[in-house]
Amino acid sequence: MNAREVIEHLRFHIAPPSFCFLEQVADGTGARQHRWADAVAMSVWPSRGYDIYGFEVKVSRYDWLSELRSPEKSAPVQNFCNRWFIATPDESIIHPGELPPTWGHMICKGKGMKVVHPAPLLTPKPLSAEFVASILRNFARADENDVQRRIHEECQKVRDSEGDYSKKQYASLKKTVEDFEAASGIRIAHWDDGKEIGEAVSTLRNLKYQVQNVELAIKSCERIAEMLKTVQTLADLKESVK
């Protein structure tokens, strides 16, 4: 399990609306930032208390021992937290007796986390302007990331819909070709020159129109013949009357 996966477990476990969760929170901004916590969460419900939780993520024994050799590195952010946790994939990374007395330990379990060693309540320093600025900056970055994510999702929907439309167009064209081949007995793929089949179809269409014109002419002649018969009948009637 990598650090990103552990962070996602933390995010699932410490979730809105009871908590606000931010990643990569520094002790300040600009030139005033010196140390970072992998994550910081704040309880926002009065019933839970407005506590700030800090988290360091360690995914290997080597990472943990490096942290243990320099525990003061976490102090710039830890100083503003009510509780401080080390989050690991499992219990094997931290051996018994290694955890500093002011730290707690959480491990991944299911989709969330399990507390294997509770973090004691600390007495944090008052929040500095630099730390508040860092948190606000993270909120702004989170909003930007959310906007970018939404844009990406909408673009993907458009690409998917265009793909569906292209598939429908292809299916319709394929059926048209199959219907033509079935009716004509001609396999289009077997023709070397597409112009030749186009000219043949054009000739057939012109012949069809010419046949239709001949049929109309025949019908007109038939109507004229009927009219002539009527005229002849009237002429014969007139002679008989005389």
Protein backbone atom coordinates (compact mmCIF):
# COMPACT_ATOMS: atom_id res chain seq x y z
CA MET A 1 0.00 0.00 0.00
CA ASN A 2 1.36 3.43 -0.93
CA ALA A 3 0.95 6.78 0.83
CA ARG A 4 -1.87 7.90 -1.47
CA GLU A 5 -3.93 4.84 -0.54
CA VAL A 6 -3.40 5.48 3.17
CA ILE A 7 -4.50 9.10 2.67
CA GLU A 8 -7.68 7.89 0.96
CA HIS A 9 -8.38 5.60 3.94
CA LEU A 10 -7.96 8.60 6.24
CA ARG A 11 -10.23 10.72 4.05
CA PHE A 12 -12.93 8.03 4.17
CA HIS A 13 -12.61 7.63 7.95
CA ILE A 14 -12.45 11.34 8.81
CA ALA A 15 -15.16 12.55 6.50
CA PRO A 16 -17.55 15.49 6.12
CA PRO A 17 -19.82 16.80 7.48
CA SER A 18 -18.32 16.25 10.94
CA PHE A 19 -14.74 16.93 9.82
CA CYS A 20 -12.83 19.08 7.36
CA PHE A 21 -9.88 17.20 5.89
CA LEU A 22 -6.89 18.74 4.09
CA GLU A 23 -3.72 17.24 2.65
CA GLN A 24 -0.16 18.58 2.74
CA VAL A 25 -0.66 21.35 5.29
CA ALA A 26 2.40 23.50 6.00
CA ASP A 27 3.18 25.59 9.07
CA GLY A 28 3.03 28.75 6.92
CA THR A 29 3.02 30.07 3.37
CA GLY A 30 5.68 31.34 1.00
CA ALA A 31 9.09 31.68 2.61
CA ARG A 32 7.52 31.04 6.03
CA GLN A 33 6.67 27.41 5.34
CA HIS A 34 9.22 24.98 6.70
CA ARG A 35 7.45 21.72 7.59
CA TRP A 36 4.37 19.90 6.34
CA ALA A 37 1.90 17.43 7.77
CA ASP A 38 0.62 14.80 5.36
CA ALA A 39 -2.89 15.68 6.48
CA VAL A 40 -4.76 17.86 8.97
CA ALA A 41 -8.40 17.47 10.00
CA MET A 42 -10.59 19.65 12.19
CA SER A 43 -13.77 18.65 13.96
CA VAL A 44 -16.50 21.15 13.08
CA TRP A 45 -19.33 19.89 15.30
CA PRO A 46 -19.58 21.42 18.80
CA SER A 47 -20.55 18.03 20.24
CA ARG A 48 -17.17 16.64 19.18
CA GLY A 49 -15.19 19.72 20.18
CA TYR A 50 -13.30 21.90 17.76
CA ASP A 51 -10.15 19.80 17.85
CA ILE A 52 -7.41 19.77 15.23
CA TYR A 53 -5.86 16.42 14.28
CA GLY A 54 -2.51 16.08 12.53
CA PHE A 55 -1.40 13.02 10.55
CA GLU A 56 1.90 11.72 9.29
CA VAL A 57 1.76 8.80 6.85
CA LYS A 58 4.48 6.14 6.87
CA VAL A 59 4.29 3.16 4.54
CA SER A 60 7.60 1.44 5.25
CA ARG A 61 9.79 0.59 8.21
CA TYR A 62 12.58 2.70 6.72
CA ASP A 63 10.33 5.80 6.55
CA TRP A 64 9.25 5.29 10.14
CA LEU A 65 12.80 4.94 11.49
CA SER A 66 13.80 8.13 9.63
CA GLU A 67 10.90 9.94 11.29
CA LEU A 68 11.80 8.47 14.65
CA ARG A 69 15.39 9.74 14.40
CA SER A 70 14.14 13.31 13.92
CA PRO A 71 10.81 13.62 15.76
CA GLU A 72 11.28 17.38 16.03
CA LYS A 73 10.58 17.72 12.28
CA SER A 74 6.86 17.32 12.93
CA ALA A 75 6.81 19.91 15.72
CA PRO A 76 6.03 23.05 13.58
CA VAL A 77 2.61 21.65 12.62
CA GLN A 78 2.09 19.38 15.62
CA ASN A 79 2.30 22.43 17.89
CA PHE A 80 -1.09 23.60 16.56
CA CYS A 81 -2.81 20.20 16.90
CA ASN A 82 -4.90 18.78 19.74
CA ARG A 83 -3.95 15.24 18.71
CA TRP A 84 -1.17 13.83 16.53
CA PHE A 85 -1.26 10.47 14.74
CA ILE A 86 1.05 8.29 12.68
CA ALA A 87 -0.97 6.46 10.01
CA THR A 88 0.43 3.23 8.55
CA PRO A 89 -0.92 0.39 6.37
CA ASP A 90 -0.60 -2.11 9.26
CA GLU A 91 0.94 -2.62 12.70
CA SER A 92 4.20 -4.17 11.48
CA ILE A 93 5.85 -0.85 10.62
CA ILE A 94 5.97 0.44 14.21
CA HIS A 95 7.40 -1.95 16.79
CA PRO A 96 6.26 -1.99 20.44
CA GLY A 97 7.76 0.78 22.55
CA GLU A 98 8.80 2.97 19.57
CA LEU A 99 5.88 5.36 19.54
CA PRO A 100 6.61 8.72 21.22
CA PRO A 101 4.29 9.39 24.19
CA THR A 102 2.57 12.36 22.48
CA TRP A 103 1.66 10.43 19.33
CA GLY A 104 -1.15 8.06 18.44
CA HIS A 105 -1.15 5.29 15.87
CA MET A 106 -3.78 4.38 13.25
CA ILE A 107 -3.76 1.56 10.71
CA CYS A 108 -5.81 0.90 7.60
CA LYS A 109 -8.83 -1.33 8.11
CA GLY A 110 -11.47 -1.97 5.46
CA LYS A 111 -12.08 1.34 3.71
CA GLY A 112 -11.28 3.37 6.82
CA MET A 113 -8.85 3.37 9.74
CA LYS A 114 -8.48 1.70 13.12
CA VAL A 115 -6.89 3.35 16.17
CA VAL A 116 -4.39 0.90 17.67
CA HIS A 117 -2.91 3.49 20.05
CA PRO A 118 -5.00 6.53 21.04
CA ALA A 119 -3.35 9.91 20.68
CA PRO A 120 -3.23 11.80 23.98
CA LEU A 121 -4.84 15.22 24.20
CA LEU A 122 -2.19 17.89 23.69
CA THR A 123 -2.10 21.56 24.64
CA PRO A 124 -1.70 23.29 21.29
CA LYS A 125 -0.31 26.76 20.73
CA PRO A 126 -2.71 29.48 19.61
CA LEU A 127 -3.09 29.40 15.85
CA SER A 128 -0.63 31.71 14.11
CA ALA A 129 -1.56 33.88 11.15
CA GLU A 130 0.91 31.86 9.04
CA PHE A 131 -0.77 28.55 9.90
CA VAL A 132 -4.27 29.95 9.26
CA ALA A 133 -3.03 31.29 5.92
CA SER A 134 -1.68 27.84 5.06
CA ILE A 135 -5.05 26.22 5.84
CA LEU A 136 -6.95 28.81 3.78
CA ARG A 137 -4.54 28.29 0.92
CA ASN A 138 -5.21 24.55 1.06
CA PHE A 139 -8.94 25.20 0.95
CA ALA A 140 -8.46 27.36 -2.15
CA ARG A 141 -6.32 24.66 -3.74
CA ALA A 142 -8.95 22.04 -2.88
CA ASP A 143 -11.60 24.19 -4.62
CA GLU A 144 -9.37 24.53 -7.69
CA ASN A 145 -8.79 20.77 -7.74
CA ASP A 146 -12.54 20.18 -7.46
CA VAL A 147 -13.19 22.53 -10.38
CA GLN A 148 -10.54 20.80 -12.47
CA ARG A 149 -11.99 17.41 -11.54
CA ARG A 150 -15.48 18.51 -12.56
CA ILE A 151 -14.16 19.92 -15.86
CA HIS A 152 -12.37 16.65 -16.53
CA GLU A 153 -15.54 14.65 -15.75
CA GLU A 154 -17.66 16.81 -18.08
CA CYS A 155 -15.07 16.56 -20.87
CA GLN A 156 -15.02 12.80 -20.41
CA LYS A 157 -18.83 12.71 -20.68
CA VAL A 158 -18.62 14.66 -23.95
CA ARG A 159 -15.95 12.29 -25.29
CA ASP A 160 -18.04 9.29 -24.26
CA SER A 161 -21.19 10.72 -25.89
CA GLU A 162 -19.25 11.49 -29.09
CA GLY A 163 -17.96 7.94 -29.06
CA ASP A 164 -21.50 6.61 -28.67
CA TYR A 165 -22.69 8.83 -31.54
CA SER A 166 -19.85 7.60 -33.77
CA LYS A 167 -20.73 4.01 -32.94
CA LYS A 168 -24.36 4.65 -33.89
CA GLN A 169 -23.28 6.32 -37.13
CA TYR A 170 -21.04 3.36 -37.96
CA ALA A 171 -23.83 0.87 -37.17
CA SER A 172 -26.27 2.80 -39.40
CA LEU A 173 -23.78 3.00 -42.28
CA LYS A 174 -22.91 -0.69 -41.90
CA LYS A 175 -26.59 -1.64 -42.12
CA THR A 176 -27.06 0.54 -45.21
CA VAL A 177 -24.15 -1.17 -46.95
CA GLU A 178 -25.41 -4.61 -45.94
CA ASP A 179 -28.91 -3.81 -47.27
CA PHE A 180 -27.41 -2.59 -50.56
CA GLU A 181 -25.26 -5.68 -50.93
CA ALA A 182 -28.22 -7.97 -50.16
CA ALA A 183 -30.45 -6.22 -52.71
CA SER A 184 -27.83 -5.87 -55.47
CA GLY A 185 -25.83 -9.05 -54.99
CA ILE A 186 -22.69 -6.92 -55.13
CA ARG A 187 -19.98 -7.04 -52.48
CA ILE A 188 -18.65 -3.50 -52.26
CA ALA A 189 -15.38 -4.68 -50.72
CA HIS A 190 -14.70 -6.71 -53.91
CA TRP A 191 -14.79 -3.68 -56.20
CA ASP A 192 -11.37 -2.23 -56.92
CA ASP A 193 -12.72 1.09 -58.17
CA GLY A 194 -15.38 2.83 -56.12
CA LYS A 195 -16.00 5.15 -59.07
CA GLU A 196 -17.13 2.21 -61.20
CA ILE A 197 -19.86 1.13 -58.82
CA GLY A 198 -20.92 4.74 -58.38
CA GLU A 199 -21.33 5.17 -62.15
CA ALA A 200 -23.25 1.90 -62.38
CA VAL A 201 -25.68 3.02 -59.66
CA SER A 202 -26.05 6.42 -61.36
CA THR A 203 -26.85 4.73 -64.70
CA LEU A 204 -29.47 2.54 -63.07
CA ARG A 205 -31.09 5.53 -61.39
CA ASN A 206 -31.21 7.44 -64.69
CA LEU A 207 -32.71 4.39 -66.40
CA LYS A 208 -35.32 4.19 -63.68
CA TYR A 209 -36.30 7.82 -64.29
CA GLN A 210 -36.44 7.24 -68.07
CA VAL A 211 -38.69 4.20 -67.58
CA GLN A 212 -40.93 6.27 -65.36
CA ASN A 213 -41.14 8.94 -68.08
CA VAL A 214 -42.02 6.30 -70.68
CA GLU A 215 -44.72 4.93 -68.39
CA LEU A 216 -46.17 8.42 -68.01
CA ALA A 217 -46.13 8.87 -71.82
CA ILE A 218 -47.94 5.54 -72.31
CA LYS A 219 -50.58 6.51 -69.78
CA SER A 220 -51.04 9.86 -71.56
CA CYS A 221 -51.49 8.07 -74.90
CA GLU A 222 -54.02 5.73 -73.35
CA ARG A 223 -56.01 8.70 -72.04
CA ILE A 224 -55.92 10.36 -75.50
CA ALA A 225 -57.13 7.11 -77.12
CA GLU A 226 -60.04 6.98 -74.69
CA MET A 227 -60.88 10.59 -75.51
CA LEU A 228 -60.79 9.82 -79.26
CA LYS A 229 -63.14 6.88 -78.73
CA THR A 230 -65.52 9.18 -76.90
CA VAL A 231 -65.38 11.75 -79.70
CA GLN A 232 -66.00 9.06 -82.31
CA THR A 233 -68.98 7.74 -80.37
CA LEU A 234 -70.50 11.22 -80.21
CA ALA A 235 -69.95 11.73 -83.97
CA ASP A 236 -71.68 8.43 -84.78
CA LEU A 237 -74.61 9.38 -82.55
CA LYS A 238 -75.00 12.71 -84.34
CA GLU A 239 -75.13 11.01 -87.79
CA SER A 240 -77.75 8.54 -86.64
CA VAL A 241 -79.96 11.36 -85.40
CA LYS A 242 -79.80 13.06 -88.78
